[in-house]
Amino acid sequence: DDGVASVETCTSSCRVLPWLLAIGFTIIFSALYSKIRRLNIVLRSAQSFQRVEVKEQDVLVPFGILFGINLILLILWTVLDPLTWQRQPVPGSDGTSTYGICLSDGQAWL
């Protein structure tokens, strides 16, 4: 709320939120995907009674790919169409009641 923090601080918070959500999701998703992939490799080798070694590289490659894609998209979003903190009047009020919202200037992502 800009009653507690400045408009610049609220705008910075608006811009950081997608980064935190996307990076957090990428870390969790890639960890789960890598564990399932590792288990799949081990179980397939067990069918043919072969010993297999799953290396760190096998786990880090999916993470690196997903993280790289997210990083590129987030940088483009932040540069081309950044979110800003804006005050909007409450619909149906006399204009004295407002609320704050994170909005972008354009519709570059639609």
PDB file of N, CA and C in Angstrom:
ATOM      1  N   ASP A   1       0.844  -1.175   0.000  1.00  0.00           N
ATOM      2  CA  ASP A   1       0.000   0.000   0.000  1.00  0.00           C
ATOM      3  C   ASP A   1       0.885   1.231   0.000  1.00  0.00           C
ATOM      4  N   ASP A   2       0.563   2.193  -0.823  1.00  0.00           N
ATOM      5  CA  ASP A   2       1.392   3.394  -0.893  1.00  0.00           C
ATOM      6  C   ASP A   2       1.153   4.328   0.289  1.00  0.00           C
ATOM      7  N   GLY A   3       0.265   3.979   1.218  1.00  0.00           N
ATOM      8  CA  GLY A   3       0.139   4.738   2.456  1.00  0.00           C
ATOM      9  C   GLY A   3       1.282   4.419   3.399  1.00  0.00           C
ATOM     10  N   VAL A   4       1.878   3.240   3.247  1.00  0.00           N
ATOM     11  CA  VAL A   4       2.977   2.797   4.092  1.00  0.00           C
ATOM     12  C   VAL A   4       4.319   3.004   3.389  1.00  0.00           C
ATOM     13  N   ALA A   5       4.356   2.724   2.105  1.00  0.00           N
ATOM     14  CA  ALA A   5       5.585   2.822   1.320  1.00  0.00           C
ATOM     15  C   ALA A   5       5.376   3.804   0.174  1.00  0.00           C
ATOM     16  N   SER A   6       6.476   4.253  -0.405  1.00  0.00           N
ATOM     17  CA  SER A   6       6.387   5.186  -1.523  1.00  0.00           C
ATOM     18  C   SER A   6       5.886   4.472  -2.778  1.00  0.00           C
ATOM     19  N   VAL A   7       5.477   5.271  -3.772  1.00  0.00           N
ATOM     20  CA  VAL A   7       5.008   4.714  -5.033  1.00  0.00           C
ATOM     21  C   VAL A   7       6.145   3.954  -5.727  1.00  0.00           C
ATOM     22  N   GLU A   8       7.378   4.440  -5.605  1.00  0.00           N
ATOM     23  CA  GLU A   8       8.519   3.758  -6.217  1.00  0.00           C
ATOM     24  C   GLU A   8       8.738   2.382  -5.587  1.00  0.00           C
ATOM     25  N   THR A   9       8.568   2.302  -4.271  1.00  0.00           N
ATOM     26  CA  THR A   9       8.721   1.020  -3.587  1.00  0.00           C
ATOM     27  C   THR A   9       7.621   0.053  -3.997  1.00  0.00           C
ATOM     28  N   CYS A  10       6.401   0.552  -4.110  1.00  0.00           N
ATOM     29  CA  CYS A  10       5.285  -0.291  -4.551  1.00  0.00           C
ATOM     30  C   CYS A  10       5.495  -0.766  -5.991  1.00  0.00           C
ATOM     31  N   THR A  11       6.013   0.106  -6.849  1.00  0.00           N
ATOM     32  CA  THR A  11       6.306  -0.280  -8.230  1.00  0.00           C
ATOM     33  C   THR A  11       7.402  -1.338  -8.268  1.00  0.00           C
ATOM     34  N   SER A  12       8.427  -1.181  -7.439  1.00  0.00           N
ATOM     35  CA  SER A  12       9.483  -2.197  -7.375  1.00  0.00           C
ATOM     36  C   SER A  12       8.918  -3.535  -6.916  1.00  0.00           C
ATOM     37  N   SER A  13       8.011  -3.501  -5.960  1.00  0.00           N
ATOM     38  CA  SER A  13       7.372  -4.736  -5.496  1.00  0.00           C
ATOM     39  C   SER A  13       6.567  -5.388  -6.612  1.00  0.00           C
ATOM     40  N   CYS A  14       5.900  -4.571  -7.408  1.00  0.00           N
ATOM     41  CA  CYS A  14       5.136  -5.099  -8.543  1.00  0.00           C
ATOM     42  C   CYS A  14       6.053  -5.786  -9.553  1.00  0.00           C
ATOM     43  N   ARG A  15       7.218  -5.244  -9.761  1.00  0.00           N
ATOM     44  CA  ARG A  15       8.142  -5.808 -10.750  1.00  0.00           C
ATOM     45  C   ARG A  15       8.852  -7.047 -10.231  1.00  0.00           C
ATOM     46  N   VAL A  16       9.034  -7.172  -8.928  1.00  0.00           N
ATOM     47  CA  VAL A  16       9.737  -8.311  -8.349  1.00  0.00           C
ATOM     48  C   VAL A  16       8.833  -9.535  -8.243  1.00  0.00           C
ATOM     49  N   LEU A  17       7.552  -9.336  -8.052  1.00  0.00           N
ATOM     50  CA  LEU A  17       6.625 -10.444  -7.825  1.00  0.00           C
ATOM     51  C   LEU A  17       6.658 -11.508  -8.929  1.00  0.00           C
ATOM     52  N   PRO A  18       6.569 -11.156 -10.230  1.00  0.00           N
ATOM     53  CA  PRO A  18       6.645 -12.202 -11.260  1.00  0.00           C
ATOM     54  C   PRO A  18       7.969 -12.964 -11.251  1.00  0.00           C
ATOM     55  N   TRP A  19       9.057 -12.269 -10.928  1.00  0.00           N
ATOM     56  CA  TRP A  19      10.368 -12.922 -10.868  1.00  0.00           C
ATOM     57  C   TRP A  19      10.382 -13.984  -9.769  1.00  0.00           C
ATOM     58  N   LEU A  20       9.890 -13.626  -8.585  1.00  0.00           N
ATOM     59  CA  LEU A  20       9.891 -14.582  -7.481  1.00  0.00           C
ATOM     60  C   LEU A  20       8.994 -15.782  -7.777  1.00  0.00           C
ATOM     61  N   LEU A  21       7.817 -15.524  -8.333  1.00  0.00           N
ATOM     62  CA  LEU A  21       6.899 -16.612  -8.649  1.00  0.00           C
ATOM     63  C   LEU A  21       7.470 -17.538  -9.719  1.00  0.00           C
ATOM     64  N   ALA A  22       8.003 -16.978 -10.792  1.00  0.00           N
ATOM     65  CA  ALA A  22       8.517 -17.792 -11.903  1.00  0.00           C
ATOM     66  C   ALA A  22       9.751 -18.588 -11.492  1.00  0.00           C
ATOM     67  N   ILE A  23      10.665 -17.955 -10.781  1.00  0.00           N
ATOM     68  CA  ILE A  23      11.884 -18.655 -10.373  1.00  0.00           C
ATOM     69  C   ILE A  23      11.563 -19.731  -9.341  1.00  0.00           C
ATOM     70  N   GLY A  24      10.672 -19.434  -8.403  1.00  0.00           N
ATOM     71  CA  GLY A  24      10.269 -20.442  -7.422  1.00  0.00           C
ATOM     72  C   GLY A  24       9.601 -21.633  -8.074  1.00  0.00           C
ATOM     73  N   PHE A  25       8.700 -21.369  -9.021  1.00  0.00           N
ATOM     74  CA  PHE A  25       8.034 -22.457  -9.734  1.00  0.00           C
ATOM     75  C   PHE A  25       9.039 -23.283 -10.526  1.00  0.00           C
ATOM     76  N   THR A  26       9.986 -22.633 -11.176  1.00  0.00           N
ATOM     77  CA  THR A  26      10.985 -23.340 -11.976  1.00  0.00           C
ATOM     78  C   THR A  26      11.829 -24.259 -11.106  1.00  0.00           C
ATOM     79  N   ILE A  27      12.238 -23.782  -9.942  1.00  0.00           N
ATOM     80  CA  ILE A  27      13.061 -24.608  -9.054  1.00  0.00           C
ATOM     81  C   ILE A  27      12.275 -25.831  -8.591  1.00  0.00           C
ATOM     82  N   ILE A  28      11.032 -25.624  -8.157  1.00  0.00           N
ATOM     83  CA  ILE A  28      10.221 -26.741  -7.671  1.00  0.00           C
ATOM     84  C   ILE A  28       9.893 -27.712  -8.800  1.00  0.00           C
ATOM     85  N   PHE A  29       9.455 -27.205  -9.936  1.00  0.00           N
ATOM     86  CA  PHE A  29       9.069 -28.068 -11.054  1.00  0.00           C
ATOM     87  C   PHE A  29      10.252 -28.853 -11.585  1.00  0.00           C
ATOM     88  N   SER A  30      11.397 -28.201 -11.766  1.00  0.00           N
ATOM     89  CA  SER A  30      12.547 -28.911 -12.320  1.00  0.00           C
ATOM     90  C   SER A  30      13.084 -29.949 -11.339  1.00  0.00           C
ATOM     91  N   ALA A  31      12.989 -29.686 -10.038  1.00  0.00           N
ATOM     92  CA  ALA A  31      13.414 -30.686  -9.055  1.00  0.00           C
ATOM     93  C   ALA A  31      12.513 -31.916  -9.133  1.00  0.00           C
ATOM     94  N   LEU A  32      11.207 -31.699  -9.193  1.00  0.00           N
ATOM     95  CA  LEU A  32      10.281 -32.831  -9.300  1.00  0.00           C
ATOM     96  C   LEU A  32      10.464 -33.578 -10.617  1.00  0.00           C
ATOM     97  N   TYR A  33      10.614 -32.841 -11.702  1.00  0.00           N
ATOM     98  CA  TYR A  33      10.808 -33.467 -13.015  1.00  0.00           C
ATOM     99  C   TYR A  33      12.100 -34.293 -13.038  1.00  0.00           C
ATOM    100  N   SER A  34      13.156 -33.751 -12.473  1.00  0.00           N
ATOM    101  CA  SER A  34      14.434 -34.454 -12.471  1.00  0.00           C
ATOM    102  C   SER A  34      14.368 -35.730 -11.641  1.00  0.00           C
ATOM    103  N   LYS A  35      13.655 -35.683 -10.511  1.00  0.00           N
ATOM    104  CA  LYS A  35      13.519 -36.889  -9.694  1.00  0.00           C
ATOM    105  C   LYS A  35      12.698 -37.953 -10.419  1.00  0.00           C
ATOM    106  N   ILE A  36      11.635 -37.553 -11.084  1.00  0.00           N
ATOM    107  CA  ILE A  36      10.832 -38.512 -11.838  1.00  0.00           C
ATOM    108  C   ILE A  36      11.635 -39.083 -13.005  1.00  0.00           C
ATOM    109  N   ARG A  37      12.402 -38.238 -13.663  1.00  0.00           N
ATOM    110  CA  ARG A  37      13.238 -38.697 -14.779  1.00  0.00           C
ATOM    111  C   ARG A  37      14.300 -39.687 -14.292  1.00  0.00           C
ATOM    112  N   ARG A  38      14.914 -39.370 -13.153  1.00  0.00           N
ATOM    113  CA  ARG A  38      15.925 -40.256 -12.579  1.00  0.00           C
ATOM    114  C   ARG A  38      15.301 -41.617 -12.231  1.00  0.00           C
ATOM    115  N   LEU A  39      14.131 -41.592 -11.628  1.00  0.00           N
ATOM    116  CA  LEU A  39      13.438 -42.827 -11.275  1.00  0.00           C
ATOM    117  C   LEU A  39      13.070 -43.624 -12.527  1.00  0.00           C
ATOM    118  N   ASN A  40      12.636 -42.936 -13.562  1.00  0.00           N
ATOM    119  CA  ASN A  40      12.287 -43.600 -14.816  1.00  0.00           C
ATOM    120  C   ASN A  40      13.508 -44.293 -15.430  1.00  0.00           C
ATOM    121  N   ILE A  41      14.653 -43.642 -15.403  1.00  0.00           N
ATOM    122  CA  ILE A  41      15.885 -44.240 -15.943  1.00  0.00           C
ATOM    123  C   ILE A  41      16.259 -45.484 -15.148  1.00  0.00           C
ATOM    124  N   VAL A  42      16.174 -45.403 -13.831  1.00  0.00           N
ATOM    125  CA  VAL A  42      16.538 -46.548 -12.989  1.00  0.00           C
ATOM    126  C   VAL A  42      15.576 -47.714 -13.222  1.00  0.00           C
ATOM    127  N   LEU A  43      14.278 -47.434 -13.292  1.00  0.00           N
ATOM    128  CA  LEU A  43      13.305 -48.508 -13.475  1.00  0.00           C
ATOM    129  C   LEU A  43      13.414 -49.152 -14.856  1.00  0.00           C
ATOM    130  N   ARG A  44      13.708 -48.380 -15.877  1.00  0.00           N
ATOM    131  CA  ARG A  44      13.883 -48.960 -17.218  1.00  0.00           C
ATOM    132  C   ARG A  44      15.113 -49.861 -17.269  1.00  0.00           C
ATOM    133  N   SER A  45      16.159 -49.464 -16.583  1.00  0.00           N
ATOM    134  CA  SER A  45      17.366 -50.306 -16.584  1.00  0.00           C
ATOM    135  C   SER A  45      17.142 -51.563 -15.745  1.00  0.00           C
ATOM    136  N   ALA A  46      16.269 -51.498 -14.764  1.00  0.00           N
ATOM    137  CA  ALA A  46      15.990 -52.676 -13.938  1.00  0.00           C
ATOM    138  C   ALA A  46      15.273 -53.757 -14.732  1.00  0.00           C
ATOM    139  N   GLN A  47      14.502 -53.376 -15.721  1.00  0.00           N
ATOM    140  CA  GLN A  47      13.802 -54.363 -16.545  1.00  0.00           C
ATOM    141  C   GLN A  47      14.774 -55.243 -17.323  1.00  0.00           C
ATOM    142  N   SER A  48      15.889 -54.650 -17.719  1.00  0.00           N
ATOM    143  CA  SER A  48      16.885 -55.426 -18.468  1.00  0.00           C
ATOM    144  C   SER A  48      18.038 -55.879 -17.572  1.00  0.00           C
ATOM    145  N   PHE A  49      17.894 -55.735 -16.262  1.00  0.00           N
ATOM    146  CA  PHE A  49      18.888 -56.144 -15.270  1.00  0.00           C
ATOM    147  C   PHE A  49      20.254 -55.518 -15.535  1.00  0.00           C
ATOM    148  N   GLN A  50      20.258 -54.227 -15.855  1.00  0.00           N
ATOM    149  CA  GLN A  50      21.502 -53.507 -16.079  1.00  0.00           C
ATOM    150  C   GLN A  50      21.680 -52.460 -14.983  1.00  0.00           C
ATOM    151  N   ARG A  51      22.922 -52.268 -14.615  1.00  0.00           N
ATOM    152  CA  ARG A  51      23.231 -51.231 -13.635  1.00  0.00           C
ATOM    153  C   ARG A  51      23.410 -49.913 -14.381  1.00  0.00           C
ATOM    154  N   VAL A  52      22.829 -48.847 -13.850  1.00  0.00           N
ATOM    155  CA  VAL A  52      22.919 -47.544 -14.494  1.00  0.00           C
ATOM    156  C   VAL A  52      23.300 -46.500 -13.445  1.00  0.00           C
ATOM    157  N   GLU A  53      24.043 -45.515 -13.894  1.00  0.00           N
ATOM    158  CA  GLU A  53      24.444 -44.431 -13.010  1.00  0.00           C
ATOM    159  C   GLU A  53      23.846 -43.130 -13.550  1.00  0.00           C
ATOM    160  N   VAL A  54      23.064 -42.459 -12.727  1.00  0.00           N
ATOM    161  CA  VAL A  54      22.473 -41.184 -13.106  1.00  0.00           C
ATOM    162  C   VAL A  54      23.366 -40.082 -12.539  1.00  0.00           C
ATOM    163  N   LYS A  55      23.903 -39.266 -13.421  1.00  0.00           N
ATOM    164  CA  LYS A  55      24.877 -38.244 -13.018  1.00  0.00           C
ATOM    165  C   LYS A  55      24.195 -36.919 -12.717  1.00  0.00           C
ATOM    166  N   GLU A  56      24.943 -36.031 -12.104  1.00  0.00           N
ATOM    167  CA  GLU A  56      24.424 -34.692 -11.798  1.00  0.00           C
ATOM    168  C   GLU A  56      24.019 -33.951 -13.065  1.00  0.00           C
ATOM    169  N   GLN A  57      24.746 -34.163 -14.120  1.00  0.00           N
ATOM    170  CA  GLN A  57      24.452 -33.494 -15.381  1.00  0.00           C
ATOM    171  C   GLN A  57      23.059 -33.863 -15.882  1.00  0.00           C
ATOM    172  N   ASP A  58      22.644 -35.104 -15.669  1.00  0.00           N
ATOM    173  CA  ASP A  58      21.318 -35.542 -16.093  1.00  0.00           C
ATOM    174  C   ASP A  58      20.215 -34.805 -15.344  1.00  0.00           C
ATOM    175  N   VAL A  59      20.525 -34.353 -14.145  1.00  0.00           N
ATOM    176  CA  VAL A  59      19.551 -33.643 -13.326  1.00  0.00           C
ATOM    177  C   VAL A  59      19.603 -32.136 -13.593  1.00  0.00           C
ATOM    178  N   LEU A  60      20.776 -31.616 -13.848  1.00  0.00           N
ATOM    179  CA  LEU A  60      20.934 -30.169 -14.006  1.00  0.00           C
ATOM    180  C   LEU A  60      20.533 -29.644 -15.383  1.00  0.00           C
ATOM    181  N   VAL A  61      20.546 -30.479 -16.390  1.00  0.00           N
ATOM    182  CA  VAL A  61      20.194 -30.029 -17.741  1.00  0.00           C
ATOM    183  C   VAL A  61      18.746 -29.528 -17.819  1.00  0.00           C
ATOM    184  N   PRO A  62      17.740 -30.288 -17.323  1.00  0.00           N
ATOM    185  CA  PRO A  62      16.367 -29.759 -17.376  1.00  0.00           C
ATOM    186  C   PRO A  62      16.214 -28.456 -16.587  1.00  0.00           C
ATOM    187  N   PHE A  63      16.882 -28.382 -15.441  1.00  0.00           N
ATOM    188  CA  PHE A  63      16.821 -27.152 -14.654  1.00  0.00           C
ATOM    189  C   PHE A  63      17.406 -25.982 -15.429  1.00  0.00           C
ATOM    190  N   GLY A  64      18.547 -26.179 -16.043  1.00  0.00           N
ATOM    191  CA  GLY A  64      19.184 -25.103 -16.797  1.00  0.00           C
ATOM    192  C   GLY A  64      18.345 -24.632 -17.965  1.00  0.00           C
ATOM    193  N   ILE A  65      17.714 -25.561 -18.661  1.00  0.00           N
ATOM    194  CA  ILE A  65      16.868 -25.196 -19.807  1.00  0.00           C
ATOM    195  C   ILE A  65      15.651 -24.397 -19.343  1.00  0.00           C
ATOM    196  N   LEU A  66      14.938 -24.908 -18.340  1.00  0.00           N
ATOM    197  CA  LEU A  66      13.749 -24.197 -17.840  1.00  0.00           C
ATOM    198  C   LEU A  66      14.109 -22.842 -17.247  1.00  0.00           C
ATOM    199  N   PHE A  67      15.197 -22.801 -16.489  1.00  0.00           N
ATOM    200  CA  PHE A  67      15.615 -21.543 -15.872  1.00  0.00           C
ATOM    201  C   PHE A  67      16.012 -20.523 -16.942  1.00  0.00           C
ATOM    202  N   GLY A  68      16.712 -20.971 -17.978  1.00  0.00           N
ATOM    203  CA  GLY A  68      17.116 -20.073 -19.061  1.00  0.00           C
ATOM    204  C   GLY A  68      15.929 -19.496 -19.808  1.00  0.00           C
ATOM    205  N   ILE A  69      14.932 -20.344 -20.108  1.00  0.00           N
ATOM    206  CA  ILE A  69      13.726 -19.862 -20.796  1.00  0.00           C
ATOM    207  C   ILE A  69      12.998 -18.832 -19.936  1.00  0.00           C
ATOM    208  N   ASN A  70      12.827 -19.144 -18.641  1.00  0.00           N
ATOM    209  CA  ASN A  70      12.171 -18.195 -17.744  1.00  0.00           C
ATOM    210  C   ASN A  70      12.944 -16.892 -17.633  1.00  0.00           C
ATOM    211  N   LEU A  71      14.250 -16.979 -17.555  1.00  0.00           N
ATOM    212  CA  LEU A  71      15.076 -15.776 -17.433  1.00  0.00           C
ATOM    213  C   LEU A  71      14.908 -14.877 -18.655  1.00  0.00           C
ATOM    214  N   ILE A  72      14.920 -15.461 -19.843  1.00  0.00           N
ATOM    215  CA  ILE A  72      14.746 -14.669 -21.066  1.00  0.00           C
ATOM    216  C   ILE A  72      13.377 -14.002 -21.092  1.00  0.00           C
ATOM    217  N   LEU A  73      12.329 -14.755 -20.777  1.00  0.00           N
ATOM    218  CA  LEU A  73      10.974 -14.187 -20.783  1.00  0.00           C
ATOM    219  C   LEU A  73      10.807 -13.087 -19.738  1.00  0.00           C
ATOM    220  N   LEU A  74      11.358 -13.288 -18.551  1.00  0.00           N
ATOM    221  CA  LEU A  74      11.239 -12.272 -17.500  1.00  0.00           C
ATOM    222  C   LEU A  74      12.009 -10.997 -17.849  1.00  0.00           C
ATOM    223  N   ILE A  75      13.170 -11.154 -18.436  1.00  0.00           N
ATOM    224  CA  ILE A  75      13.935  -9.964 -18.845  1.00  0.00           C
ATOM    225  C   ILE A  75      13.174  -9.191 -19.918  1.00  0.00           C
ATOM    226  N   LEU A  76      12.636  -9.907 -20.903  1.00  0.00           N
ATOM    227  CA  LEU A  76      11.860  -9.236 -21.949  1.00  0.00           C
ATOM    228  C   LEU A  76      10.639  -8.518 -21.368  1.00  0.00           C
ATOM    229  N   TRP A  77       9.930  -9.175 -20.471  1.00  0.00           N
ATOM    230  CA  TRP A  77       8.747  -8.576 -19.855  1.00  0.00           C
ATOM    231  C   TRP A  77       9.128  -7.328 -19.060  1.00  0.00           C
ATOM    232  N   THR A  78      10.202  -7.415 -18.283  1.00  0.00           N
ATOM    233  CA  THR A  78      10.622  -6.282 -17.465  1.00  0.00           C
ATOM    234  C   THR A  78      11.077  -5.107 -18.317  1.00  0.00           C
ATOM    235  N   VAL A  79      11.715  -5.380 -19.430  1.00  0.00           N
ATOM    236  CA  VAL A  79      12.224  -4.295 -20.280  1.00  0.00           C
ATOM    237  C   VAL A  79      11.124  -3.716 -21.179  1.00  0.00           C
ATOM    238  N   LEU A  80      10.327  -4.576 -21.806  1.00  0.00           N
ATOM    239  CA  LEU A  80       9.360  -4.117 -22.803  1.00  0.00           C
ATOM    240  C   LEU A  80       8.050  -3.597 -22.202  1.00  0.00           C
ATOM    241  N   ASP A  81       7.567  -4.220 -21.150  1.00  0.00           N
ATOM    242  CA  ASP A  81       6.252  -3.863 -20.621  1.00  0.00           C
ATOM    243  C   ASP A  81       6.227  -4.039 -19.104  1.00  0.00           C
ATOM    244  N   PRO A  82       6.973  -3.203 -18.356  1.00  0.00           N
ATOM    245  CA  PRO A  82       7.088  -3.406 -16.908  1.00  0.00           C
ATOM    246  C   PRO A  82       5.787  -3.099 -16.169  1.00  0.00           C
ATOM    247  N   LEU A  83       5.609  -3.766 -15.045  1.00  0.00           N
ATOM    248  CA  LEU A  83       4.469  -3.495 -14.183  1.00  0.00           C
ATOM    249  C   LEU A  83       4.740  -2.243 -13.354  1.00  0.00           C
ATOM    250  N   THR A  84       3.699  -1.446 -13.152  1.00  0.00           N
ATOM    251  CA  THR A  84       3.805  -0.250 -12.309  1.00  0.00           C
ATOM    252  C   THR A  84       2.632  -0.225 -11.335  1.00  0.00           C
ATOM    253  N   TRP A  85       2.828   0.426 -10.210  1.00  0.00           N
ATOM    254  CA  TRP A  85       1.802   0.591  -9.196  1.00  0.00           C
ATOM    255  C   TRP A  85       0.922   1.769  -9.585  1.00  0.00           C
ATOM    256  N   GLN A  86      -0.373   1.537  -9.663  1.00  0.00           N
ATOM    257  CA  GLN A  86      -1.303   2.602 -10.040  1.00  0.00           C
ATOM    258  C   GLN A  86      -2.504   2.588  -9.109  1.00  0.00           C
ATOM    259  N   ARG A  87      -3.019   3.772  -8.864  1.00  0.00           N
ATOM    260  CA  ARG A  87      -4.246   3.927  -8.070  1.00  0.00           C
ATOM    261  C   ARG A  87      -5.437   3.994  -9.008  1.00  0.00           C
ATOM    262  N   GLN A  88      -6.474   3.230  -8.697  1.00  0.00           N
ATOM    263  CA  GLN A  88      -7.695   3.200  -9.496  1.00  0.00           C
ATOM    264  C   GLN A  88      -8.881   3.549  -8.599  1.00  0.00           C
ATOM    265  N   PRO A  89      -9.858   4.313  -9.113  1.00  0.00           N
ATOM    266  CA  PRO A  89     -11.054   4.569  -8.312  1.00  0.00           C
ATOM    267  C   PRO A  89     -11.917   3.310  -8.223  1.00  0.00           C
ATOM    268  N   VAL A  90     -12.564   3.146  -7.076  1.00  0.00           N
ATOM    269  CA  VAL A  90     -13.465   2.016  -6.897  1.00  0.00           C
ATOM    270  C   VAL A  90     -14.702   2.253  -7.749  1.00  0.00           C
ATOM    271  N   PRO A  91     -15.060   1.279  -8.605  1.00  0.00           N
ATOM    272  CA  PRO A  91     -16.248   1.463  -9.446  1.00  0.00           C
ATOM    273  C   PRO A  91     -17.503   1.654  -8.592  1.00  0.00           C
ATOM    274  N   GLY A  92     -18.310   2.616  -8.993  1.00  0.00           N
ATOM    275  CA  GLY A  92     -19.552   2.890  -8.286  1.00  0.00           C
ATOM    276  C   GLY A  92     -19.397   3.826  -7.106  1.00  0.00           C
ATOM    277  N   SER A  93     -18.174   4.298  -6.842  1.00  0.00           N
ATOM    278  CA  SER A  93     -17.986   5.236  -5.733  1.00  0.00           C
ATOM    279  C   SER A  93     -17.933   6.660  -6.280  1.00  0.00           C
ATOM    280  N   ASP A  94     -17.882   7.597  -5.384  1.00  0.00           N
ATOM    281  CA  ASP A  94     -17.854   9.006  -5.787  1.00  0.00           C
ATOM    282  C   ASP A  94     -16.451   9.485  -6.163  1.00  0.00           C
ATOM    283  N   GLY A  95     -15.490   8.582  -6.209  1.00  0.00           N
ATOM    284  CA  GLY A  95     -14.122   8.945  -6.595  1.00  0.00           C
ATOM    285  C   GLY A  95     -13.203   9.145  -5.413  1.00  0.00           C
ATOM    286  N   THR A  96     -13.740   9.132  -4.195  1.00  0.00           N
ATOM    287  CA  THR A  96     -12.888   9.309  -3.019  1.00  0.00           C
ATOM    288  C   THR A  96     -12.285   7.984  -2.561  1.00  0.00           C
ATOM    289  N   SER A  97     -12.901   6.876  -2.923  1.00  0.00           N
ATOM    290  CA  SER A  97     -12.371   5.556  -2.574  1.00  0.00           C
ATOM    291  C   SER A  97     -11.543   5.030  -3.735  1.00  0.00           C
ATOM    292  N   THR A  98     -10.328   4.591  -3.423  1.00  0.00           N
ATOM    293  CA  THR A  98      -9.436   4.055  -4.453  1.00  0.00           C
ATOM    294  C   THR A  98      -8.786   2.770  -3.954  1.00  0.00           C
ATOM    295  N   TYR A  99      -8.201   2.056  -4.877  1.00  0.00           N
ATOM    296  CA  TYR A  99      -7.421   0.867  -4.550  1.00  0.00           C
ATOM    297  C   TYR A  99      -6.183   0.855  -5.430  1.00  0.00           C
ATOM    298  N   GLY A 100      -5.123   0.200  -4.962  1.00  0.00           N
ATOM    299  CA  GLY A 100      -3.889   0.113  -5.726  1.00  0.00           C
ATOM    300  C   GLY A 100      -3.785  -1.218  -6.430  1.00  0.00           C
ATOM    301  N   ILE A 101      -3.191  -1.189  -7.618  1.00  0.00           N
ATOM    302  CA  ILE A 101      -3.062  -2.403  -8.420  1.00  0.00           C
ATOM    303  C   ILE A 101      -1.795  -2.308  -9.275  1.00  0.00           C
ATOM    304  N   CYS A 102      -1.223  -3.473  -9.566  1.00  0.00           N
ATOM    305  CA  CYS A 102      -0.063  -3.539 -10.458  1.00  0.00           C
ATOM    306  C   CYS A 102      -0.572  -3.692 -11.883  1.00  0.00           C
ATOM    307  N   LEU A 103      -0.219  -2.750 -12.741  1.00  0.00           N
ATOM    308  CA  LEU A 103      -0.648  -2.770 -14.140  1.00  0.00           C
ATOM    309  C   LEU A 103       0.534  -2.496 -15.049  1.00  0.00           C
ATOM    310  N   SER A 104       0.424  -2.967 -16.271  1.00  0.00           N
ATOM    311  CA  SER A 104       1.425  -2.621 -17.292  1.00  0.00           C
ATOM    312  C   SER A 104       0.802  -1.597 -18.235  1.00  0.00           C
ATOM    313  N   ASP A 105       1.653  -0.871 -18.934  1.00  0.00           N
ATOM    314  CA  ASP A 105       1.167   0.185 -19.828  1.00  0.00           C
ATOM    315  C   ASP A 105       0.484  -0.385 -21.076  1.00  0.00           C
ATOM    316  N   GLY A 106       0.993  -1.475 -21.581  1.00  0.00           N
ATOM    317  CA  GLY A 106       0.464  -2.041 -22.817  1.00  0.00           C
ATOM    318  C   GLY A 106      -0.048  -3.438 -22.624  1.00  0.00           C
ATOM    319  N   GLN A 107      -0.360  -4.064 -23.744  1.00  0.00           N
ATOM    320  CA  GLN A 107      -0.814  -5.445 -23.737  1.00  0.00           C
ATOM    321  C   GLN A 107       0.134  -6.282 -24.590  1.00  0.00           C
ATOM    322  N   ALA A 108       1.417  -6.167 -24.320  1.00  0.00           N
ATOM    323  CA  ALA A 108       2.411  -6.834 -25.128  1.00  0.00           C
ATOM    324  C   ALA A 108       2.369  -8.354 -24.989  1.00  0.00           C
ATOM    325  N   TRP A 109       1.785  -8.875 -23.940  1.00  0.00           N
ATOM    326  CA  TRP A 109       1.814 -10.312 -23.684  1.00  0.00           C
ATOM    327  C   TRP A 109       0.501 -11.003 -24.013  1.00  0.00           C
ATOM    328  N   LEU A 110      -0.457 -10.297 -24.567  1.00  0.00           N
ATOM    329  CA  LEU A 110      -1.739 -10.921 -24.899  1.00  0.00           C
ATOM    330  C   LEU A 110      -1.807 -11.358 -26.329  1.00  0.00           C
TER     331      LEU A 110
END
